[in-house]
Amino acid sequence: MLDNRYALLFIRGERPVMDEKFDILRHPNVSGTTDGKAEPFRHGIVTHSVATLTFAEDIDPADGLRPAELPKPAIPVGEYELLSEDDLEELFKIKEENPHEKKH
């Protein structure tokens, strides 16, 4: 029987390796994990928000309003472009690759 202090590692095409287990709670970056009391990582949350949309009036679906009866949002004067999530990811990727590039 194998002592609990040891682990076996099997890699295809290589000989098995037996070594002492690593205590992950002693790792220098454990503070970035839930074991180190950090917040859990959440998939799908907005991390690169660049704009918000708010309505001046409350819209209650129970009122039964048809789309034509809904209040029109006031759009401030200016130039706007609606980007898809893929477009935004591409822009952020370019920004990360060229952090010192001047803005146009």
C-alpha atoms as a PDB file:
ATOM      1  CA  MET A   1       0.000   0.000   0.000  1.00  0.00           C
ATOM      2  CA  LEU A   2       1.254   3.497  -0.910  1.00  0.00           C
ATOM      3  CA  ASP A   3       1.939   5.990   1.890  1.00  0.00           C
ATOM      4  CA  ASN A   4      -0.389   9.062   1.683  1.00  0.00           C
ATOM      5  CA  ARG A   5       2.637  11.368   1.544  1.00  0.00           C
ATOM      6  CA  TYR A   6       3.430  10.093  -1.970  1.00  0.00           C
ATOM      7  CA  ALA A   7       1.770  10.425  -5.357  1.00  0.00           C
ATOM      8  CA  LEU A   8       2.178   8.449  -8.569  1.00  0.00           C
ATOM      9  CA  LEU A   9       2.375  10.278 -11.878  1.00  0.00           C
ATOM     10  CA  PHE A  10       1.709   8.396 -15.104  1.00  0.00           C
ATOM     11  CA  ILE A  11       2.580  10.038 -18.421  1.00  0.00           C
ATOM     12  CA  ARG A  12       2.007   8.087 -21.617  1.00  0.00           C
ATOM     13  CA  GLY A  13       5.301   6.986 -23.141  1.00  0.00           C
ATOM     14  CA  GLU A  14       7.275   7.669 -19.954  1.00  0.00           C
ATOM     15  CA  ARG A  15       8.125   5.657 -16.879  1.00  0.00           C
ATOM     16  CA  PRO A  16       5.898   6.225 -13.814  1.00  0.00           C
ATOM     17  CA  VAL A  17       7.162   8.721 -11.240  1.00  0.00           C
ATOM     18  CA  MET A  18       6.655   8.506  -7.471  1.00  0.00           C
ATOM     19  CA  ASP A  19       7.251  11.685  -5.496  1.00  0.00           C
ATOM     20  CA  GLU A  20       6.113  13.397  -2.319  1.00  0.00           C
ATOM     21  CA  LYS A  21       2.854  15.311  -2.645  1.00  0.00           C
ATOM     22  CA  PHE A  22       3.032  19.105  -2.722  1.00  0.00           C
ATOM     23  CA  ASP A  23       1.169  20.946   0.030  1.00  0.00           C
ATOM     24  CA  ILE A  24      -0.824  23.509  -2.008  1.00  0.00           C
ATOM     25  CA  LEU A  25      -1.591  25.526   1.119  1.00  0.00           C
ATOM     26  CA  ARG A  26       2.125  26.424   1.318  1.00  0.00           C
ATOM     27  CA  HIS A  27       2.262  27.746  -2.267  1.00  0.00           C
ATOM     28  CA  PRO A  28       3.213  31.478  -2.471  1.00  0.00           C
ATOM     29  CA  ASN A  29       0.081  32.296  -4.527  1.00  0.00           C
ATOM     30  CA  VAL A  30      -2.447  30.427  -2.372  1.00  0.00           C
ATOM     31  CA  SER A  31      -3.814  33.823  -1.255  1.00  0.00           C
ATOM     32  CA  GLY A  32      -5.348  34.206  -4.745  1.00  0.00           C
ATOM     33  CA  THR A  33      -7.520  31.106  -4.278  1.00  0.00           C
ATOM     34  CA  THR A  34     -10.555  30.269  -2.169  1.00  0.00           C
ATOM     35  CA  ASP A  35      -8.261  28.142   0.038  1.00  0.00           C
ATOM     36  CA  GLY A  36      -6.388  31.380   0.762  1.00  0.00           C
ATOM     37  CA  LYS A  37      -9.632  33.257   1.587  1.00  0.00           C
ATOM     38  CA  ALA A  38      -9.890  35.020  -1.814  1.00  0.00           C
ATOM     39  CA  GLU A  39     -13.191  35.451  -3.654  1.00  0.00           C
ATOM     40  CA  PRO A  40     -14.070  32.567  -5.994  1.00  0.00           C
ATOM     41  CA  PHE A  41     -13.543  33.104  -9.720  1.00  0.00           C
ATOM     42  CA  ARG A  42     -16.836  33.793 -11.504  1.00  0.00           C
ATOM     43  CA  HIS A  43     -17.242  32.870 -15.157  1.00  0.00           C
ATOM     44  CA  GLY A  44     -19.292  35.123 -17.409  1.00  0.00           C
ATOM     45  CA  ILE A  45     -19.211  38.324 -15.376  1.00  0.00           C
ATOM     46  CA  VAL A  46     -18.678  41.678 -17.055  1.00  0.00           C
ATOM     47  CA  THR A  47     -15.069  42.789 -16.570  1.00  0.00           C
ATOM     48  CA  HIS A  48     -14.625  45.287 -19.394  1.00  0.00           C
ATOM     49  CA  SER A  49     -17.778  47.374 -19.157  1.00  0.00           C
ATOM     50  CA  VAL A  50     -17.514  50.503 -21.293  1.00  0.00           C
ATOM     51  CA  ALA A  51     -21.089  51.815 -21.159  1.00  0.00           C
ATOM     52  CA  THR A  52     -24.400  51.440 -19.377  1.00  0.00           C
ATOM     53  CA  LEU A  53     -28.014  51.848 -20.448  1.00  0.00           C
ATOM     54  CA  THR A  54     -30.596  53.226 -18.043  1.00  0.00           C
ATOM     55  CA  PHE A  55     -34.255  54.194 -18.432  1.00  0.00           C
ATOM     56  CA  ALA A  56     -35.749  57.256 -16.784  1.00  0.00           C
ATOM     57  CA  GLU A  57     -39.042  55.413 -16.271  1.00  0.00           C
ATOM     58  CA  ASP A  58     -39.728  52.044 -14.707  1.00  0.00           C
ATOM     59  CA  ILE A  59     -41.026  49.480 -17.174  1.00  0.00           C
ATOM     60  CA  ASP A  60     -43.171  46.804 -15.600  1.00  0.00           C
ATOM     61  CA  PRO A  61     -43.870  43.777 -17.853  1.00  0.00           C
ATOM     62  CA  ALA A  62     -47.119  43.248 -15.923  1.00  0.00           C
ATOM     63  CA  ASP A  63     -48.488  46.494 -17.428  1.00  0.00           C
ATOM     64  CA  GLY A  64     -48.856  44.687 -20.750  1.00  0.00           C
ATOM     65  CA  LEU A  65     -47.302  47.466 -22.809  1.00  0.00           C
ATOM     66  CA  ARG A  66     -46.699  46.703 -26.474  1.00  0.00           C
ATOM     67  CA  PRO A  67     -43.247  47.559 -27.894  1.00  0.00           C
ATOM     68  CA  ALA A  68     -44.660  50.640 -29.656  1.00  0.00           C
ATOM     69  CA  GLU A  69     -45.954  51.959 -26.314  1.00  0.00           C
ATOM     70  CA  LEU A  70     -42.614  51.675 -24.505  1.00  0.00           C
ATOM     71  CA  PRO A  71     -40.837  54.951 -23.745  1.00  0.00           C
ATOM     72  CA  LYS A  72     -38.151  55.942 -26.224  1.00  0.00           C
ATOM     73  CA  PRO A  73     -34.707  56.278 -24.649  1.00  0.00           C
ATOM     74  CA  ALA A  74     -33.091  59.697 -24.983  1.00  0.00           C
ATOM     75  CA  ILE A  75     -29.857  59.298 -26.927  1.00  0.00           C
ATOM     76  CA  PRO A  76     -27.264  61.995 -26.236  1.00  0.00           C
ATOM     77  CA  VAL A  77     -25.743  63.783 -29.206  1.00  0.00           C
ATOM     78  CA  GLY A  78     -22.557  62.164 -30.438  1.00  0.00           C
ATOM     79  CA  GLU A  79     -21.194  59.359 -32.546  1.00  0.00           C
ATOM     80  CA  TYR A  80     -21.878  55.827 -31.367  1.00  0.00           C
ATOM     81  CA  GLU A  81     -21.064  52.390 -32.656  1.00  0.00           C
ATOM     82  CA  LEU A  82     -22.646  49.213 -31.315  1.00  0.00           C
ATOM     83  CA  LEU A  83     -20.000  46.490 -30.996  1.00  0.00           C
ATOM     84  CA  SER A  84     -20.580  42.789 -30.561  1.00  0.00           C
ATOM     85  CA  GLU A  85     -18.828  40.813 -27.838  1.00  0.00           C
ATOM     86  CA  ASP A  86     -16.432  39.426 -30.469  1.00  0.00           C
ATOM     87  CA  ASP A  87     -15.591  42.968 -31.645  1.00  0.00           C
ATOM     88  CA  LEU A  88     -14.868  44.057 -28.070  1.00  0.00           C
ATOM     89  CA  GLU A  89     -12.666  41.014 -27.420  1.00  0.00           C
ATOM     90  CA  GLU A  90     -10.658  41.832 -30.556  1.00  0.00           C
ATOM     91  CA  LEU A  91     -10.236  45.456 -29.434  1.00  0.00           C
ATOM     92  CA  PHE A  92      -9.089  44.410 -25.962  1.00  0.00           C
ATOM     93  CA  LYS A  93      -6.685  41.879 -27.486  1.00  0.00           C
ATOM     94  CA  ILE A  94      -5.140  44.591 -29.683  1.00  0.00           C
ATOM     95  CA  LYS A  95      -4.924  46.928 -26.680  1.00  0.00           C
ATOM     96  CA  GLU A  96      -3.112  44.276 -24.622  1.00  0.00           C
ATOM     97  CA  GLU A  97      -0.676  43.547 -27.463  1.00  0.00           C
ATOM     98  CA  ASN A  98       0.091  47.275 -28.040  1.00  0.00           C
ATOM     99  CA  PRO A  99      -0.289  48.970 -24.623  1.00  0.00           C
ATOM    100  CA  HIS A 100       1.723  52.062 -25.608  1.00  0.00           C
ATOM    101  CA  GLU A 101      -0.033  52.752 -28.919  1.00  0.00           C
ATOM    102  CA  LYS A 102      -1.440  56.267 -29.218  1.00  0.00           C
ATOM    103  CA  LYS A 103      -5.221  56.615 -29.394  1.00  0.00           C
ATOM    104  CA  HIS A 104      -6.661  58.093 -32.576  1.00  0.00           C
END
